[in-house]
Amino acid sequence: PSYKANKFVIEFQGRKFRFGTIGNRKAILVITGLGV
């Protein structure tokens, strides 16, 4: 419940950068895939 997504997403280099807020902080979430 503390994460609020917005509809703004950027797809680049095979990654999806999701934008939203966590509490009152603006955040970008992205999945790396496995491995260093």
Full PDB file with SEQRES, HELIX, SHEET, SSBOND, CRYST1, ORIGX, SCALE, CONECT and MASTER records, all heavy atoms in Angstrom:
SEQRES   1 A   36  PRO SER TYR LYS ALA ASN LYS PHE VAL ILE GLU PHE GLN          
SEQRES   2 A   36  GLY ARG LYS PHE ARG PHE GLY THR ILE GLY ASN ARG LYS          
SEQRES   3 A   36  ALA ILE LEU VAL ILE THR GLY LEU GLY VAL                      
SHEET    1 AA1 3 TYR A   3  PHE A  12  0                                        
SHEET    2 AA1 3 ARG A  15  ILE A  22 -1                                        
SHEET    3 AA1 3 ARG A  25  LEU A  29 -1                                        
CRYST1    1.000    1.000    1.000  90.00  90.00  90.00 P 1           1          
ORIGX1      1.000000  0.000000  0.000000        0.00000                         
ORIGX2      0.000000  1.000000  0.000000        0.00000                         
ORIGX3      0.000000  0.000000  1.000000        0.00000                         
SCALE1      1.000000  0.000000  0.000000        0.00000                         
SCALE2      0.000000  1.000000  0.000000        0.00000                         
SCALE3      0.000000  0.000000  1.000000        0.00000                         
ATOM      1  N   PRO A   1       0.797  -1.234   0.000  1.00  0.00           N  
ATOM      2  CA  PRO A   1       0.000   0.000   0.000  1.00  0.00           C  
ATOM      3  C   PRO A   1       0.831   1.287   0.000  1.00  0.00           C  
ATOM      4  O   PRO A   1       0.339   2.330  -0.435  1.00  0.00           O  
ATOM      5  CB  PRO A   1      -0.834  -0.094   1.284  1.00  0.00           C  
ATOM      6  CG  PRO A   1      -0.538  -1.388   1.914  1.00  0.00           C  
ATOM      7  CD  PRO A   1       0.503  -2.092   1.130  1.00  0.00           C  
ATOM      8  N   SER A   2       2.082   1.237   0.437  1.00  0.00           N  
ATOM      9  CA  SER A   2       2.895   2.462   0.451  1.00  0.00           C  
ATOM     10  C   SER A   2       3.429   2.813  -0.939  1.00  0.00           C  
ATOM     11  O   SER A   2       3.890   3.929  -1.150  1.00  0.00           O  
ATOM     12  CB  SER A   2       4.055   2.337   1.432  1.00  0.00           C  
ATOM     13  OG  SER A   2       4.968   1.352   0.998  1.00  0.00           O  
ATOM     14  N   TYR A   3       3.366   1.863  -1.886  1.00  0.00           N  
ATOM     15  CA  TYR A   3       3.811   2.143  -3.256  1.00  0.00           C  
ATOM     16  C   TYR A   3       2.622   2.575  -4.104  1.00  0.00           C  
ATOM     17  O   TYR A   3       1.618   1.871  -4.188  1.00  0.00           O  
ATOM     18  CB  TYR A   3       4.483   0.926  -3.891  1.00  0.00           C  
ATOM     19  CG  TYR A   3       4.845   1.172  -5.343  1.00  0.00           C  
ATOM     20  CD1 TYR A   3       5.861   2.048  -5.671  1.00  0.00           C  
ATOM     21  CD2 TYR A   3       4.150   0.557  -6.368  1.00  0.00           C  
ATOM     22  CE1 TYR A   3       6.181   2.302  -6.997  1.00  0.00           C  
ATOM     23  CE2 TYR A   3       4.467   0.797  -7.696  1.00  0.00           C  
ATOM     24  CZ  TYR A   3       5.482   1.676  -8.004  1.00  0.00           C  
ATOM     25  OH  TYR A   3       5.793   1.925  -9.316  1.00  0.00           O  
ATOM     26  N   LYS A   4       2.750   3.724  -4.717  1.00  0.00           N  
ATOM     27  CA  LYS A   4       1.723   4.245  -5.630  1.00  0.00           C  
ATOM     28  C   LYS A   4       2.344   4.379  -7.011  1.00  0.00           C  
ATOM     29  O   LYS A   4       3.227   5.201  -7.230  1.00  0.00           O  
ATOM     30  CB  LYS A   4       1.209   5.616  -5.176  1.00  0.00           C  
ATOM     31  CG  LYS A   4       0.674   5.651  -3.759  1.00  0.00           C  
ATOM     32  CD  LYS A   4      -0.601   4.863  -3.633  1.00  0.00           C  
ATOM     33  CE  LYS A   4      -1.154   5.014  -2.226  1.00  0.00           C  
ATOM     34  NZ  LYS A   4      -1.635   3.805  -1.649  1.00  0.00           N  
ATOM     35  N   ALA A   5       1.898   3.536  -7.929  1.00  0.00           N  
ATOM     36  CA  ALA A   5       2.408   3.576  -9.296  1.00  0.00           C  
ATOM     37  C   ALA A   5       1.740   4.703 -10.065  1.00  0.00           C  
ATOM     38  O   ALA A   5       0.603   5.066  -9.789  1.00  0.00           O  
ATOM     39  CB  ALA A   5       2.133   2.251 -10.000  1.00  0.00           C  
ATOM     40  N   ASN A   6       2.472   5.274 -11.026  1.00  0.00           N  
ATOM     41  CA  ASN A   6       1.804   6.120 -11.996  1.00  0.00           C  
ATOM     42  C   ASN A   6       1.934   5.432 -13.349  1.00  0.00           C  
ATOM     43  O   ASN A   6       2.603   4.421 -13.467  1.00  0.00           O  
ATOM     44  CB  ASN A   6       2.330   7.566 -11.976  1.00  0.00           C  
ATOM     45  CG  ASN A   6       3.767   7.690 -12.410  1.00  0.00           C  
ATOM     46  OD1 ASN A   6       4.214   7.000 -13.317  1.00  0.00           O  
ATOM     47  ND2 ASN A   6       4.499   8.579 -11.771  1.00  0.00           N  
ATOM     48  N   LYS A   7       1.284   5.945 -14.352  1.00  0.00           N  
ATOM     49  CA  LYS A   7       1.250   5.254 -15.646  1.00  0.00           C  
ATOM     50  C   LYS A   7       2.492   5.500 -16.489  1.00  0.00           C  
ATOM     51  O   LYS A   7       2.610   4.950 -17.573  1.00  0.00           O  
ATOM     52  CB  LYS A   7      -0.008   5.662 -16.409  1.00  0.00           C  
ATOM     53  CG  LYS A   7      -1.265   5.197 -15.720  1.00  0.00           C  
ATOM     54  CD  LYS A   7      -2.503   5.572 -16.491  1.00  0.00           C  
ATOM     55  CE  LYS A   7      -3.731   5.085 -15.744  1.00  0.00           C  
ATOM     56  NZ  LYS A   7      -4.949   5.359 -16.452  1.00  0.00           N  
ATOM     57  N   PHE A   8       3.417   6.296 -15.984  1.00  0.00           N  
ATOM     58  CA  PHE A   8       4.615   6.633 -16.752  1.00  0.00           C  
ATOM     59  C   PHE A   8       5.629   5.493 -16.655  1.00  0.00           C  
ATOM     60  O   PHE A   8       6.067   5.111 -15.573  1.00  0.00           O  
ATOM     61  CB  PHE A   8       5.213   7.937 -16.219  1.00  0.00           C  
ATOM     62  CG  PHE A   8       6.329   8.478 -17.065  1.00  0.00           C  
ATOM     63  CD1 PHE A   8       6.101   8.872 -18.372  1.00  0.00           C  
ATOM     64  CD2 PHE A   8       7.602   8.611 -16.549  1.00  0.00           C  
ATOM     65  CE1 PHE A   8       7.115   9.378 -19.152  1.00  0.00           C  
ATOM     66  CE2 PHE A   8       8.626   9.113 -17.315  1.00  0.00           C  
ATOM     67  CZ  PHE A   8       8.390   9.500 -18.614  1.00  0.00           C  
ATOM     68  N   VAL A   9       5.971   4.921 -17.801  1.00  0.00           N  
ATOM     69  CA  VAL A   9       6.931   3.818 -17.887  1.00  0.00           C  
ATOM     70  C   VAL A   9       7.830   4.104 -19.083  1.00  0.00           C  
ATOM     71  O   VAL A   9       7.367   4.540 -20.131  1.00  0.00           O  
ATOM     72  CB  VAL A   9       6.217   2.465 -18.086  1.00  0.00           C  
ATOM     73  CG1 VAL A   9       7.203   1.356 -18.344  1.00  0.00           C  
ATOM     74  CG2 VAL A   9       5.333   2.145 -16.893  1.00  0.00           C  
ATOM     75  N   ILE A  10       9.128   3.856 -18.906  1.00  0.00           N  
ATOM     76  CA  ILE A  10      10.068   3.981 -20.025  1.00  0.00           C  
ATOM     77  C   ILE A  10      10.679   2.608 -20.262  1.00  0.00           C  
ATOM     78  O   ILE A  10      11.236   2.007 -19.339  1.00  0.00           O  
ATOM     79  CB  ILE A  10      11.181   5.005 -19.728  1.00  0.00           C  
ATOM     80  CG1 ILE A  10      10.594   6.398 -19.549  1.00  0.00           C  
ATOM     81  CG2 ILE A  10      12.231   4.999 -20.848  1.00  0.00           C  
ATOM     82  CD1 ILE A  10      11.611   7.449 -19.127  1.00  0.00           C  
ATOM     83  N   GLU A  11      10.577   2.105 -21.490  1.00  0.00           N  
ATOM     84  CA  GLU A  11      11.230   0.854 -21.861  1.00  0.00           C  
ATOM     85  C   GLU A  11      12.464   1.188 -22.669  1.00  0.00           C  
ATOM     86  O   GLU A  11      12.385   1.909 -23.665  1.00  0.00           O  
ATOM     87  CB  GLU A  11      10.268  -0.036 -22.635  1.00  0.00           C  
ATOM     88  CG  GLU A  11       9.133  -0.525 -21.754  1.00  0.00           C  
ATOM     89  CD  GLU A  11       8.297  -1.609 -22.406  1.00  0.00           C  
ATOM     90  OE1 GLU A  11       8.864  -2.414 -23.180  1.00  0.00           O  
ATOM     91  OE2 GLU A  11       7.093  -1.632 -22.129  1.00  0.00           O  
ATOM     92  N   PHE A  12      13.616   0.688 -22.202  1.00  0.00           N  
ATOM     93  CA  PHE A  12      14.889   1.003 -22.848  1.00  0.00           C  
ATOM     94  C   PHE A  12      15.872  -0.126 -22.586  1.00  0.00           C  
ATOM     95  O   PHE A  12      15.984  -0.605 -21.450  1.00  0.00           O  
ATOM     96  CB  PHE A  12      15.437   2.329 -22.291  1.00  0.00           C  
ATOM     97  CG  PHE A  12      16.738   2.748 -22.907  1.00  0.00           C  
ATOM     98  CD1 PHE A  12      16.804   3.157 -24.231  1.00  0.00           C  
ATOM     99  CD2 PHE A  12      17.901   2.736 -22.164  1.00  0.00           C  
ATOM    100  CE1 PHE A  12      18.016   3.532 -24.802  1.00  0.00           C  
ATOM    101  CE2 PHE A  12      19.113   3.118 -22.719  1.00  0.00           C  
ATOM    102  CZ  PHE A  12      19.169   3.515 -24.036  1.00  0.00           C  
ATOM    103  N   GLN A  13      16.565  -0.563 -23.616  1.00  0.00           N  
ATOM    104  CA  GLN A  13      17.581  -1.609 -23.518  1.00  0.00           C  
ATOM    105  C   GLN A  13      17.046  -2.876 -22.835  1.00  0.00           C  
ATOM    106  O   GLN A  13      17.728  -3.493 -22.027  1.00  0.00           O  
ATOM    107  CB  GLN A  13      18.806  -1.086 -22.770  1.00  0.00           C  
ATOM    108  CG  GLN A  13      19.536   0.031 -23.479  1.00  0.00           C  
ATOM    109  CD  GLN A  13      20.167  -0.445 -24.786  1.00  0.00           C  
ATOM    110  OE1 GLN A  13      20.847  -1.467 -24.820  1.00  0.00           O  
ATOM    111  NE2 GLN A  13      19.926   0.277 -25.860  1.00  0.00           N  
ATOM    112  N   GLY A  14      15.816  -3.236 -23.171  1.00  0.00           N  
ATOM    113  CA  GLY A  14      15.226  -4.454 -22.638  1.00  0.00           C  
ATOM    114  C   GLY A  14      14.775  -4.361 -21.194  1.00  0.00           C  
ATOM    115  O   GLY A  14      14.449  -5.373 -20.584  1.00  0.00           O  
ATOM    116  N   ARG A  15      14.759  -3.164 -20.633  1.00  0.00           N  
ATOM    117  CA  ARG A  15      14.337  -2.981 -19.253  1.00  0.00           C  
ATOM    118  C   ARG A  15      13.161  -2.024 -19.189  1.00  0.00           C  
ATOM    119  O   ARG A  15      13.069  -1.093 -19.968  1.00  0.00           O  
ATOM    120  CB  ARG A  15      15.501  -2.464 -18.407  1.00  0.00           C  
ATOM    121  CG  ARG A  15      16.513  -3.561 -18.151  1.00  0.00           C  
ATOM    122  CD  ARG A  15      17.895  -3.004 -17.923  1.00  0.00           C  
ATOM    123  NE  ARG A  15      18.844  -4.072 -17.669  1.00  0.00           N  
ATOM    124  CZ  ARG A  15      19.516  -4.703 -18.622  1.00  0.00           C  
ATOM    125  NH1 ARG A  15      19.334  -4.405 -19.885  1.00  0.00           N  
ATOM    126  NH2 ARG A  15      20.378  -5.642 -18.314  1.00  0.00           N  
ATOM    127  N   LYS A  16      12.289  -2.253 -18.222  1.00  0.00           N  
ATOM    128  CA  LYS A  16      11.118  -1.406 -18.011  1.00  0.00           C  
ATOM    129  C   LYS A  16      11.350  -0.597 -16.730  1.00  0.00           C  
ATOM    130  O   LYS A  16      11.452  -1.158 -15.647  1.00  0.00           O  
ATOM    131  CB  LYS A  16       9.866  -2.265 -17.870  1.00  0.00           C  
ATOM    132  CG  LYS A  16       8.585  -1.462 -17.766  1.00  0.00           C  
ATOM    133  CD  LYS A  16       7.373  -2.360 -17.560  1.00  0.00           C  
ATOM    134  CE  LYS A  16       7.074  -3.102 -18.843  1.00  0.00           C  
ATOM    135  NZ  LYS A  16       5.794  -3.825 -18.783  1.00  0.00           N  
ATOM    136  N   PHE A  17      11.436   0.716 -16.874  1.00  0.00           N  
ATOM    137  CA  PHE A  17      11.623   1.620 -15.753  1.00  0.00           C  
ATOM    138  C   PHE A  17      10.250   2.133 -15.341  1.00  0.00           C  
ATOM    139  O   PHE A  17       9.615   2.883 -16.079  1.00  0.00           O  
ATOM    140  CB  PHE A  17      12.554   2.778 -16.143  1.00  0.00           C  
ATOM    141  CG  PHE A  17      13.931   2.316 -16.522  1.00  0.00           C  
ATOM    142  CD1 PHE A  17      14.238   1.993 -17.834  1.00  0.00           C  
ATOM    143  CD2 PHE A  17      14.919   2.186 -15.558  1.00  0.00           C  
ATOM    144  CE1 PHE A  17      15.502   1.554 -18.189  1.00  0.00           C  
ATOM    145  CE2 PHE A  17      16.193   1.750 -15.896  1.00  0.00           C  
ATOM    146  CZ  PHE A  17      16.484   1.423 -17.213  1.00  0.00           C  
ATOM    147  N   ARG A  18       9.788   1.684 -14.172  1.00  0.00           N  
ATOM    148  CA  ARG A  18       8.468   2.056 -13.652  1.00  0.00           C  
ATOM    149  C   ARG A  18       8.632   3.244 -12.713  1.00  0.00           C  
ATOM    150  O   ARG A  18       9.537   3.270 -11.888  1.00  0.00           O  
ATOM    151  CB  ARG A  18       7.869   0.897 -12.869  1.00  0.00           C  
ATOM    152  CG  ARG A  18       7.572  -0.333 -13.677  1.00  0.00           C  
ATOM    153  CD  ARG A  18       7.183  -1.478 -12.716  1.00  0.00           C  
ATOM    154  NE  ARG A  18       6.622  -2.602 -13.412  1.00  0.00           N  
ATOM    155  CZ  ARG A  18       7.326  -3.629 -13.849  1.00  0.00           C  
ATOM    156  NH1 ARG A  18       8.631  -3.661 -13.673  1.00  0.00           N  
ATOM    157  NH2 ARG A  18       6.737  -4.626 -14.473  1.00  0.00           N  
ATOM    158  N   PHE A  19       7.718   4.186 -12.789  1.00  0.00           N  
ATOM    159  CA  PHE A  19       7.771   5.384 -11.951  1.00  0.00           C  
ATOM    160  C   PHE A  19       6.593   5.390 -10.990  1.00  0.00           C  
ATOM    161  O   PHE A  19       5.500   4.939 -11.331  1.00  0.00           O  
ATOM    162  CB  PHE A  19       7.749   6.645 -12.819  1.00  0.00           C  
ATOM    163  CG  PHE A  19       8.994   6.816 -13.631  1.00  0.00           C  
ATOM    164  CD1 PHE A  19       9.172   6.101 -14.805  1.00  0.00           C  
ATOM    165  CD2 PHE A  19       9.999   7.670 -13.207  1.00  0.00           C  
ATOM    166  CE1 PHE A  19      10.330   6.234 -15.559  1.00  0.00           C  
ATOM    167  CE2 PHE A  19      11.164   7.805 -13.949  1.00  0.00           C  
ATOM    168  CZ  PHE A  19      11.329   7.091 -15.124  1.00  0.00           C  
ATOM    169  N   GLY A  20       6.830   5.889  -9.800  1.00  0.00           N  
ATOM    170  CA  GLY A  20       5.785   5.992  -8.796  1.00  0.00           C  
ATOM    171  C   GLY A  20       6.336   6.652  -7.549  1.00  0.00           C  
ATOM    172  O   GLY A  20       7.372   7.321  -7.589  1.00  0.00           O  
ATOM    173  N   THR A  21       5.651   6.427  -6.427  1.00  0.00           N  
ATOM    174  CA  THR A  21       6.118   6.951  -5.147  1.00  0.00           C  
ATOM    175  C   THR A  21       6.056   5.853  -4.099  1.00  0.00           C  
ATOM    176  O   THR A  21       5.217   4.947  -4.166  1.00  0.00           O  
ATOM    177  CB  THR A  21       5.261   8.137  -4.666  1.00  0.00           C  
ATOM    178  OG1 THR A  21       3.911   7.718  -4.552  1.00  0.00           O  
ATOM    179  CG2 THR A  21       5.357   9.327  -5.607  1.00  0.00           C  
ATOM    180  N   ILE A  22       6.973   5.945  -3.161  1.00  0.00           N  
ATOM    181  CA  ILE A  22       6.960   5.090  -1.974  1.00  0.00           C  
ATOM    182  C   ILE A  22       6.892   6.053  -0.800  1.00  0.00           C  
ATOM    183  O   ILE A  22       7.836   6.803  -0.556  1.00  0.00           O  
ATOM    184  CB  ILE A  22       8.210   4.207  -1.899  1.00  0.00           C  
ATOM    185  CG1 ILE A  22       8.237   3.269  -3.098  1.00  0.00           C  
ATOM    186  CG2 ILE A  22       8.222   3.432  -0.579  1.00  0.00           C  
ATOM    187  CD1 ILE A  22       9.480   2.440  -3.204  1.00  0.00           C  
ATOM    188  N   GLY A  23       5.775   6.030  -0.102  1.00  0.00           N  
ATOM    189  CA  GLY A  23       5.549   7.060   0.907  1.00  0.00           C  
ATOM    190  C   GLY A  23       5.486   8.398   0.194  1.00  0.00           C  
ATOM    191  O   GLY A  23       4.703   8.590  -0.715  1.00  0.00           O  
ATOM    192  N   ASN A  24       6.372   9.313   0.560  1.00  0.00           N  
ATOM    193  CA  ASN A  24       6.407  10.612  -0.121  1.00  0.00           C  
ATOM    194  C   ASN A  24       7.631  10.761  -1.018  1.00  0.00           C  
ATOM    195  O   ASN A  24       7.919  11.848  -1.479  1.00  0.00           O  
ATOM    196  CB  ASN A  24       6.352  11.743   0.905  1.00  0.00           C  
ATOM    197  CG  ASN A  24       7.533  11.713   1.860  1.00  0.00           C  
ATOM    198  OD1 ASN A  24       8.350  10.809   1.818  1.00  0.00           O  
ATOM    199  ND2 ASN A  24       7.598  12.697   2.732  1.00  0.00           N  
ATOM    200  N   ARG A  25       8.369   9.660  -1.286  1.00  0.00           N  
ATOM    201  CA  ARG A  25       9.555   9.704  -2.138  1.00  0.00           C  
ATOM    202  C   ARG A  25       9.222   9.254  -3.550  1.00  0.00           C  
ATOM    203  O   ARG A  25       8.614   8.204  -3.761  1.00  0.00           O  
ATOM    204  CB  ARG A  25      10.661   8.766  -1.609  1.00  0.00           C  
ATOM    205  CG  ARG A  25      11.216   9.094  -0.265  1.00  0.00           C  
ATOM    206  CD  ARG A  25      12.483   9.901  -0.213  1.00  0.00           C  
ATOM    207  NE  ARG A  25      13.450   9.818  -1.256  1.00  0.00           N  
ATOM    208  CZ  ARG A  25      14.654   9.290  -1.122  1.00  0.00           C  
ATOM    209  NH1 ARG A  25      15.017   8.725   0.001  1.00  0.00           N  
ATOM    210  NH2 ARG A  25      15.505   9.325  -2.124  1.00  0.00           N  
ATOM    211  N   LYS A  26       9.655  10.033  -4.538  1.00  0.00           N  
ATOM    212  CA  LYS A  26       9.520   9.628  -5.938  1.00  0.00           C  
ATOM    213  C   LYS A  26      10.493   8.482  -6.180  1.00  0.00           C  
ATOM    214  O   LYS A  26      11.624   8.513  -5.709  1.00  0.00           O  
ATOM    215  CB  LYS A  26       9.838  10.790  -6.861  1.00  0.00           C  
ATOM    216  CG  LYS A  26       8.884  11.945  -6.717  1.00  0.00           C  
ATOM    217  CD  LYS A  26       9.342  13.106  -7.561  1.00  0.00           C  
ATOM    218  CE  LYS A  26       8.521  14.326  -7.236  1.00  0.00           C  
ATOM    219  NZ  LYS A  26       9.034  15.508  -7.901  1.00  0.00           N  
ATOM    220  N   ALA A  27      10.053   7.476  -6.933  1.00  0.00           N  
ATOM    221  CA  ALA A  27      10.875   6.286  -7.121  1.00  0.00           C  
ATOM    222  C   ALA A  27      10.837   5.791  -8.560  1.00  0.00           C  
ATOM    223  O   ALA A  27       9.840   5.972  -9.259  1.00  0.00           O  
ATOM    224  CB  ALA A  27      10.403   5.172  -6.181  1.00  0.00           C  
ATOM    225  N   ILE A  28      11.946   5.174  -8.961  1.00  0.00           N  
ATOM    226  CA  ILE A  28      12.047   4.440 -10.226  1.00  0.00           C  
ATOM    227  C   ILE A  28      12.335   2.994  -9.855  1.00  0.00           C  
ATOM    228  O   ILE A  28      13.281   2.728  -9.105  1.00  0.00           O  
ATOM    229  CB  ILE A  28      13.199   4.951 -11.107  1.00  0.00           C  
ATOM    230  CG1 ILE A  28      13.029   6.416 -11.460  1.00  0.00           C  
ATOM    231  CG2 ILE A  28      13.326   4.094 -12.372  1.00  0.00           C  
ATOM    232  CD1 ILE A  28      14.229   7.014 -12.189  1.00  0.00           C  
ATOM    233  N   LEU A  29      11.541   2.059 -10.369  1.00  0.00           N  
ATOM    234  CA  LEU A  29      11.743   0.647 -10.121  1.00  0.00           C  
ATOM    235  C   LEU A  29      12.140  -0.026 -11.425  1.00  0.00           C  
ATOM    236  O   LEU A  29      11.560   0.258 -12.472  1.00  0.00           O  
ATOM    237  CB  LEU A  29      10.461  -0.008  -9.609  1.00  0.00           C  
ATOM    238  CG  LEU A  29      10.048   0.226  -8.168  1.00  0.00           C  
ATOM    239  CD1 LEU A  29       9.726   1.674  -7.902  1.00  0.00           C  
ATOM    240  CD2 LEU A  29       8.881  -0.656  -7.816  1.00  0.00           C  
ATOM    241  N   VAL A  30      13.114  -0.931 -11.351  1.00  0.00           N  
ATOM    242  CA  VAL A  30      13.543  -1.648 -12.550  1.00  0.00           C  
ATOM    243  C   VAL A  30      14.024  -3.043 -12.163  1.00  0.00           C  
ATOM    244  O   VAL A  30      14.610  -3.237 -11.103  1.00  0.00           O  
ATOM    245  CB  VAL A  30      14.646  -0.870 -13.318  1.00  0.00           C  
ATOM    246  CG1 VAL A  30      15.895  -0.703 -12.484  1.00  0.00           C  
ATOM    247  CG2 VAL A  30      14.943  -1.518 -14.656  1.00  0.00           C  
ATOM    248  N   ILE A  31      13.741  -4.002 -13.040  1.00  0.00           N  
ATOM    249  CA  ILE A  31      14.191  -5.385 -12.850  1.00  0.00           C  
ATOM    250  C   ILE A  31      15.502  -5.568 -13.592  1.00  0.00           C  
ATOM    251  O   ILE A  31      15.619  -5.199 -14.765  1.00  0.00           O  
ATOM    252  CB  ILE A  31      13.121  -6.369 -13.361  1.00  0.00           C  
ATOM    253  CG1 ILE A  31      11.870  -6.264 -12.494  1.00  0.00           C  
ATOM    254  CG2 ILE A  31      13.665  -7.796 -13.378  1.00  0.00           C  
ATOM    255  CD1 ILE A  31      10.708  -7.099 -12.973  1.00  0.00           C  
ATOM    256  N   THR A  32      16.478  -6.171 -12.926  1.00  0.00           N  
ATOM    257  CA  THR A  32      17.798  -6.363 -13.517  1.00  0.00           C  
ATOM    258  C   THR A  32      17.915  -7.659 -14.301  1.00  0.00           C  
ATOM    259  O   THR A  32      18.649  -7.733 -15.265  1.00  0.00           O  
ATOM    260  CB  THR A  32      18.893  -6.409 -12.434  1.00  0.00           C  
ATOM    261  OG1 THR A  32      18.725  -7.578 -11.640  1.00  0.00           O  
ATOM    262  CG2 THR A  32      18.888  -5.185 -11.577  1.00  0.00           C  
ATOM    263  N   GLY A  33      17.235  -8.700 -13.855  1.00  0.00           N  
ATOM    264  CA  GLY A  33      17.537 -10.043 -14.313  1.00  0.00           C  
ATOM    265  C   GLY A  33      18.565 -10.609 -13.345  1.00  0.00           C  
ATOM    266  O   GLY A  33      19.149  -9.888 -12.535  1.00  0.00           O  
ATOM    267  N   LEU A  34      18.787 -11.912 -13.403  1.00  0.00           N  
ATOM    268  CA  LEU A  34      19.683 -12.558 -12.448  1.00  0.00           C  
ATOM    269  C   LEU A  34      21.152 -12.352 -12.802  1.00  0.00           C  
ATOM    270  O   LEU A  34      21.506 -12.263 -13.969  1.00  0.00           O  
ATOM    271  CB  LEU A  34      19.377 -14.052 -12.373  1.00  0.00           C  
ATOM    272  CG  LEU A  34      17.987 -14.415 -11.879  1.00  0.00           C  
ATOM    273  CD1 LEU A  34      17.801 -15.923 -11.895  1.00  0.00           C  
ATOM    274  CD2 LEU A  34      17.736 -13.866 -10.483  1.00  0.00           C  
ATOM    275  N   GLY A  35      21.974 -12.298 -11.794  1.00  0.00           N  
ATOM    276  CA  GLY A  35      23.420 -12.270 -11.981  1.00  0.00           C  
ATOM    277  C   GLY A  35      24.044 -10.901 -11.834  1.00  0.00           C  
ATOM    278  O   GLY A  35      23.397  -9.866 -12.004  1.00  0.00           O  
ATOM    279  N   VAL A  36      25.323 -10.917 -11.510  1.00  0.00           N  
ATOM    280  CA  VAL A  36      26.086  -9.700 -11.271  1.00  0.00           C  
ATOM    281  C   VAL A  36      26.183  -8.841 -12.529  1.00  0.00           C  
ATOM    282  O   VAL A  36      26.088  -7.618 -12.465  1.00  0.00           O  
ATOM    283  CB  VAL A  36      27.489 -10.059 -10.735  1.00  0.00           C  
ATOM    284  CG1 VAL A  36      28.365  -8.830 -10.633  1.00  0.00           C  
ATOM    285  CG2 VAL A  36      27.379 -10.727  -9.377  1.00  0.00           C  
TER     286      VAL A  36                                                      
MASTER        0    0    0    0    3    0    0    6  285    1    0    3          
END                                                                             
